[in-house]
Amino acid sequence: MDPVKEAIFARLAILSRHAAQARRDTLDSGGLRHWQFKVLLTLRRLGPPYETSPSRLAELLGLTRGALSARLGPLEDAGLITRTHDVADRRRVHVRLTEAGYDAFERHAASEEHGENALLSVLSEGEKRTLADLLRKLVEAAEAAPDATEPKRSRSDGS
């Protein structure tokens, strides 16, 4: 076994666990679950008016339409999103981030930013750039590999 390779992958796994736990803690403290944040984040990334079709949203999240539908209900009940029918074509539905959803996203993003900054605070700006560049190189190679598979679509619960 290559000890350098083993150290790299062990440390990536440890950092991934720390980052995931920090994200869960941040979300739990504000009452959002990780899957709820992901839906809000995806709508927020679309830019104004923070709206799209359910099928496009499912595609962006890597979910089946059924899994997405199960997730949208609680978000709509909480007032974080709305689902409306298109006036010109009632068969079309639009999912839109509400003002409350936008505010919830911004609160959680700011808390998450604080946690990520704390984790990276031991690195200089140059080290952060170097790390980002090296990780980008690895991600590009992994995604370009002929045996790379698409992430599996979730059909389930809302984790």
C-alpha atoms as a PDB file:
ATOM      1  CA  MET A   1       0.000   0.000   0.000  1.00  0.00           C
ATOM      2  CA  ASP A   2       1.139   3.481  -0.832  1.00  0.00           C
ATOM      3  CA  PRO A   3       1.161   5.396   2.484  1.00  0.00           C
ATOM      4  CA  VAL A   4       0.857   8.789   0.758  1.00  0.00           C
ATOM      5  CA  LYS A   5      -2.203   7.678  -1.215  1.00  0.00           C
ATOM      6  CA  GLU A   6      -3.745   6.169   1.918  1.00  0.00           C
ATOM      7  CA  ALA A   7      -3.089   9.393   3.865  1.00  0.00           C
ATOM      8  CA  ILE A   8      -4.727  11.479   1.123  1.00  0.00           C
ATOM      9  CA  PHE A   9      -7.905   9.407   0.999  1.00  0.00           C
ATOM     10  CA  ALA A  10      -8.144   9.024   4.774  1.00  0.00           C
ATOM     11  CA  ARG A  11      -7.803  12.785   5.243  1.00  0.00           C
ATOM     12  CA  LEU A  12     -10.365  13.519   2.500  1.00  0.00           C
ATOM     13  CA  ALA A  13     -12.800  11.173   4.247  1.00  0.00           C
ATOM     14  CA  ILE A  14     -12.191  12.812   7.636  1.00  0.00           C
ATOM     15  CA  LEU A  15     -12.678  16.310   6.192  1.00  0.00           C
ATOM     16  CA  SER A  16     -15.820  15.178   4.394  1.00  0.00           C
ATOM     17  CA  ARG A  17     -17.263  13.863   7.674  1.00  0.00           C
ATOM     18  CA  HIS A  18     -16.372  17.103   9.502  1.00  0.00           C
ATOM     19  CA  ALA A  19     -17.896  19.258   6.756  1.00  0.00           C
ATOM     20  CA  ALA A  20     -21.055  17.132   6.573  1.00  0.00           C
ATOM     21  CA  GLN A  21     -21.506  17.212  10.358  1.00  0.00           C
ATOM     22  CA  ALA A  22     -20.961  20.971  10.492  1.00  0.00           C
ATOM     23  CA  ARG A  23     -23.560  21.395   7.734  1.00  0.00           C
ATOM     24  CA  ARG A  24     -26.057  19.167   9.578  1.00  0.00           C
ATOM     25  CA  ASP A  25     -25.461  21.071  12.835  1.00  0.00           C
ATOM     26  CA  THR A  26     -25.990  24.409  11.091  1.00  0.00           C
ATOM     27  CA  LEU A  27     -29.167  23.250   9.412  1.00  0.00           C
ATOM     28  CA  ASP A  28     -30.536  21.538  12.520  1.00  0.00           C
ATOM     29  CA  SER A  29     -30.003  24.680  14.577  1.00  0.00           C
ATOM     30  CA  GLY A  30     -32.235  26.582  12.170  1.00  0.00           C
ATOM     31  CA  GLY A  31     -34.853  23.897  11.680  1.00  0.00           C
ATOM     32  CA  LEU A  32     -33.988  22.899   8.095  1.00  0.00           C
ATOM     33  CA  ARG A  33     -33.003  19.441   6.964  1.00  0.00           C
ATOM     34  CA  HIS A  34     -30.172  18.956   4.485  1.00  0.00           C
ATOM     35  CA  TRP A  35     -32.534  17.977   1.651  1.00  0.00           C
ATOM     36  CA  GLN A  36     -34.651  21.091   2.262  1.00  0.00           C
ATOM     37  CA  PHE A  37     -31.578  23.291   2.067  1.00  0.00           C
ATOM     38  CA  LYS A  38     -30.538  21.598  -1.188  1.00  0.00           C
ATOM     39  CA  VAL A  39     -33.892  22.439  -2.798  1.00  0.00           C
ATOM     40  CA  LEU A  40     -33.695  26.062  -1.627  1.00  0.00           C
ATOM     41  CA  LEU A  41     -30.064  26.291  -2.753  1.00  0.00           C
ATOM     42  CA  THR A  42     -30.905  24.954  -6.204  1.00  0.00           C
ATOM     43  CA  LEU A  43     -33.730  27.454  -6.666  1.00  0.00           C
ATOM     44  CA  ARG A  44     -31.508  30.267  -5.337  1.00  0.00           C
ATOM     45  CA  ARG A  45     -28.744  29.388  -7.804  1.00  0.00           C
ATOM     46  CA  LEU A  46     -31.154  29.839 -10.714  1.00  0.00           C
ATOM     47  CA  GLY A  47     -31.277  33.566 -10.007  1.00  0.00           C
ATOM     48  CA  PRO A  48     -34.336  35.792 -10.086  1.00  0.00           C
ATOM     49  CA  PRO A  49     -37.181  34.950 -10.151  1.00  0.00           C
ATOM     50  CA  TYR A  50     -35.856  31.763  -8.449  1.00  0.00           C
ATOM     51  CA  GLU A  51     -38.321  29.599 -10.324  1.00  0.00           C
ATOM     52  CA  THR A  52     -38.302  26.498 -12.525  1.00  0.00           C
ATOM     53  CA  SER A  53     -40.376  23.507 -13.526  1.00  0.00           C
ATOM     54  CA  PRO A  54     -40.532  20.454 -11.257  1.00  0.00           C
ATOM     55  CA  SER A  55     -38.897  18.285 -13.946  1.00  0.00           C
ATOM     56  CA  ARG A  56     -35.942  20.656 -14.311  1.00  0.00           C
ATOM     57  CA  LEU A  57     -35.607  20.940 -10.536  1.00  0.00           C
ATOM     58  CA  ALA A  58     -35.633  17.130 -10.223  1.00  0.00           C
ATOM     59  CA  GLU A  59     -32.921  16.913 -12.867  1.00  0.00           C
ATOM     60  CA  LEU A  60     -30.770  19.558 -11.159  1.00  0.00           C
ATOM     61  CA  LEU A  61     -31.090  17.744  -7.822  1.00  0.00           C
ATOM     62  CA  GLY A  62     -30.550  14.272  -9.278  1.00  0.00           C
ATOM     63  CA  LEU A  63     -33.950  13.081  -8.076  1.00  0.00           C
ATOM     64  CA  THR A  64     -36.863  11.258  -9.624  1.00  0.00           C
ATOM     65  CA  ARG A  65     -39.983  13.370 -10.072  1.00  0.00           C
ATOM     66  CA  GLY A  66     -41.723  11.307  -7.392  1.00  0.00           C
ATOM     67  CA  ALA A  67     -38.942  11.917  -4.865  1.00  0.00           C
ATOM     68  CA  LEU A  68     -38.996  15.618  -5.667  1.00  0.00           C
ATOM     69  CA  SER A  69     -42.764  15.826  -5.301  1.00  0.00           C
ATOM     70  CA  ALA A  70     -42.504  14.273  -1.827  1.00  0.00           C
ATOM     71  CA  ARG A  71     -39.949  16.928  -0.876  1.00  0.00           C
ATOM     72  CA  LEU A  72     -41.838  19.910  -2.261  1.00  0.00           C
ATOM     73  CA  GLY A  73     -44.952  19.354  -0.146  1.00  0.00           C
ATOM     74  CA  PRO A  74     -43.332  20.072   3.243  1.00  0.00           C
ATOM     75  CA  LEU A  75     -41.446  23.055   1.795  1.00  0.00           C
ATOM     76  CA  GLU A  76     -44.675  24.463   0.420  1.00  0.00           C
ATOM     77  CA  ASP A  77     -46.474  23.822   3.734  1.00  0.00           C
ATOM     78  CA  ALA A  78     -43.692  25.732   5.511  1.00  0.00           C
ATOM     79  CA  GLY A  79     -44.120  28.670   3.117  1.00  0.00           C
ATOM     80  CA  LEU A  80     -40.602  28.325   1.689  1.00  0.00           C
ATOM     81  CA  ILE A  81     -41.714  27.616  -1.889  1.00  0.00           C
ATOM     82  CA  THR A  82     -44.854  27.922  -3.968  1.00  0.00           C
ATOM     83  CA  ARG A  83     -46.147  25.707  -6.750  1.00  0.00           C
ATOM     84  CA  THR A  84     -48.365  27.457  -9.251  1.00  0.00           C
ATOM     85  CA  HIS A  85     -49.955  26.532 -12.547  1.00  0.00           C
ATOM     86  CA  ASP A  86     -48.978  28.447 -15.667  1.00  0.00           C
ATOM     87  CA  VAL A  87     -51.765  30.834 -16.704  1.00  0.00           C
ATOM     88  CA  ALA A  88     -51.333  30.038 -20.388  1.00  0.00           C
ATOM     89  CA  ASP A  89     -51.019  26.261 -19.941  1.00  0.00           C
ATOM     90  CA  ARG A  90     -52.514  24.823 -16.745  1.00  0.00           C
ATOM     91  CA  ARG A  91     -50.591  21.584 -17.282  1.00  0.00           C
ATOM     92  CA  ARG A  92     -47.346  23.424 -16.543  1.00  0.00           C
ATOM     93  CA  VAL A  93     -46.313  23.969 -12.941  1.00  0.00           C
ATOM     94  CA  HIS A  94     -43.767  26.446 -11.625  1.00  0.00           C
ATOM     95  CA  VAL A  95     -41.829  25.966  -8.389  1.00  0.00           C
ATOM     96  CA  ARG A  96     -40.724  29.281  -6.923  1.00  0.00           C
ATOM     97  CA  LEU A  97     -38.705  30.283  -3.900  1.00  0.00           C
ATOM     98  CA  THR A  98     -40.775  32.540  -1.627  1.00  0.00           C
ATOM     99  CA  GLU A  99     -39.409  35.493   0.306  1.00  0.00           C
ATOM    100  CA  ALA A 100     -39.451  33.325   3.445  1.00  0.00           C
ATOM    101  CA  GLY A 101     -37.556  30.609   1.549  1.00  0.00           C
ATOM    102  CA  TYR A 102     -35.019  33.133   0.306  1.00  0.00           C
ATOM    103  CA  ASP A 103     -34.515  34.446   3.856  1.00  0.00           C
ATOM    104  CA  ALA A 104     -34.173  30.908   5.281  1.00  0.00           C
ATOM    105  CA  PHE A 105     -31.589  30.088   2.610  1.00  0.00           C
ATOM    106  CA  GLU A 106     -29.584  33.265   3.309  1.00  0.00           C
ATOM    107  CA  ARG A 107     -29.563  32.631   7.088  1.00  0.00           C
ATOM    108  CA  HIS A 108     -28.335  29.092   6.666  1.00  0.00           C
ATOM    109  CA  ALA A 109     -25.814  29.996   3.967  1.00  0.00           C
ATOM    110  CA  ALA A 110     -24.302  32.641   6.262  1.00  0.00           C
ATOM    111  CA  SER A 111     -24.018  30.132   9.126  1.00  0.00           C
ATOM    112  CA  GLU A 112     -22.504  27.539   6.816  1.00  0.00           C
ATOM    113  CA  GLU A 113     -20.049  30.111   5.459  1.00  0.00           C
ATOM    114  CA  HIS A 114     -18.906  30.812   9.009  1.00  0.00           C
ATOM    115  CA  GLY A 115     -18.279  27.106   9.654  1.00  0.00           C
ATOM    116  CA  GLU A 116     -16.414  26.612   6.368  1.00  0.00           C
ATOM    117  CA  ASN A 117     -14.262  29.666   7.044  1.00  0.00           C
ATOM    118  CA  ALA A 118     -13.394  28.287  10.472  1.00  0.00           C
ATOM    119  CA  LEU A 119     -12.327  24.955   8.963  1.00  0.00           C
ATOM    120  CA  LEU A 120     -10.153  26.652   6.330  1.00  0.00           C
ATOM    121  CA  SER A 121      -8.737  29.303   8.686  1.00  0.00           C
ATOM    122  CA  VAL A 122      -5.533  27.306   9.232  1.00  0.00           C
ATOM    123  CA  LEU A 123      -4.603  27.812   5.552  1.00  0.00           C
ATOM    124  CA  SER A 124      -3.148  30.934   3.970  1.00  0.00           C
ATOM    125  CA  GLU A 125      -4.893  32.413   0.903  1.00  0.00           C
ATOM    126  CA  GLY A 126      -2.212  30.868  -1.317  1.00  0.00           C
ATOM    127  CA  GLU A 127      -2.661  27.459   0.280  1.00  0.00           C
ATOM    128  CA  LYS A 128      -6.437  27.684  -0.220  1.00  0.00           C
ATOM    129  CA  ARG A 129      -5.939  28.469  -3.931  1.00  0.00           C
ATOM    130  CA  THR A 130      -3.455  25.599  -4.282  1.00  0.00           C
ATOM    131  CA  LEU A 131      -5.806  23.177  -2.534  1.00  0.00           C
ATOM    132  CA  ALA A 132      -8.760  24.306  -4.674  1.00  0.00           C
ATOM    133  CA  ASP A 133      -6.687  23.868  -7.849  1.00  0.00           C
ATOM    134  CA  LEU A 134      -5.489  20.391  -6.848  1.00  0.00           C
ATOM    135  CA  LEU A 135      -8.994  19.264  -5.898  1.00  0.00           C
ATOM    136  CA  ARG A 136     -10.374  20.653  -9.176  1.00  0.00           C
ATOM    137  CA  LYS A 137      -7.767  18.627 -11.059  1.00  0.00           C
ATOM    138  CA  LEU A 138      -8.817  15.447  -9.228  1.00  0.00           C
ATOM    139  CA  VAL A 139     -12.526  16.109  -9.785  1.00  0.00           C
ATOM    140  CA  GLU A 140     -12.014  16.770 -13.497  1.00  0.00           C
ATOM    141  CA  ALA A 141     -10.013  13.554 -13.874  1.00  0.00           C
ATOM    142  CA  ALA A 142     -12.597  11.534 -11.952  1.00  0.00           C
ATOM    143  CA  GLU A 143     -15.485  12.929 -13.977  1.00  0.00           C
ATOM    144  CA  ALA A 144     -13.683  12.445 -17.296  1.00  0.00           C
ATOM    145  CA  ALA A 145     -12.751   8.815 -16.575  1.00  0.00           C
ATOM    146  CA  PRO A 146     -14.408   6.421 -19.034  1.00  0.00           C
ATOM    147  CA  ASP A 147     -15.726   4.274 -16.183  1.00  0.00           C
ATOM    148  CA  ALA A 148     -17.100   7.262 -14.262  1.00  0.00           C
ATOM    149  CA  THR A 149     -20.742   6.740 -13.508  1.00  0.00           C
ATOM    150  CA  GLU A 150     -23.435   9.325 -13.041  1.00  0.00           C
ATOM    151  CA  PRO A 151     -24.512   9.815  -9.437  1.00  0.00           C
ATOM    152  CA  LYS A 152     -27.518   7.660  -8.671  1.00  0.00           C
ATOM    153  CA  ARG A 153     -30.867   9.398  -8.542  1.00  0.00           C
ATOM    154  CA  SER A 154     -32.585   9.287  -5.185  1.00  0.00           C
ATOM    155  CA  ARG A 155     -36.029   7.744  -5.058  1.00  0.00           C
ATOM    156  CA  SER A 156     -36.373   7.925  -1.357  1.00  0.00           C
ATOM    157  CA  ASP A 157     -36.787   9.612   1.921  1.00  0.00           C
ATOM    158  CA  GLY A 158     -35.225  13.027   1.949  1.00  0.00           C
ATOM    159  CA  SER A 159     -31.811  12.578   3.402  1.00  0.00           C
END
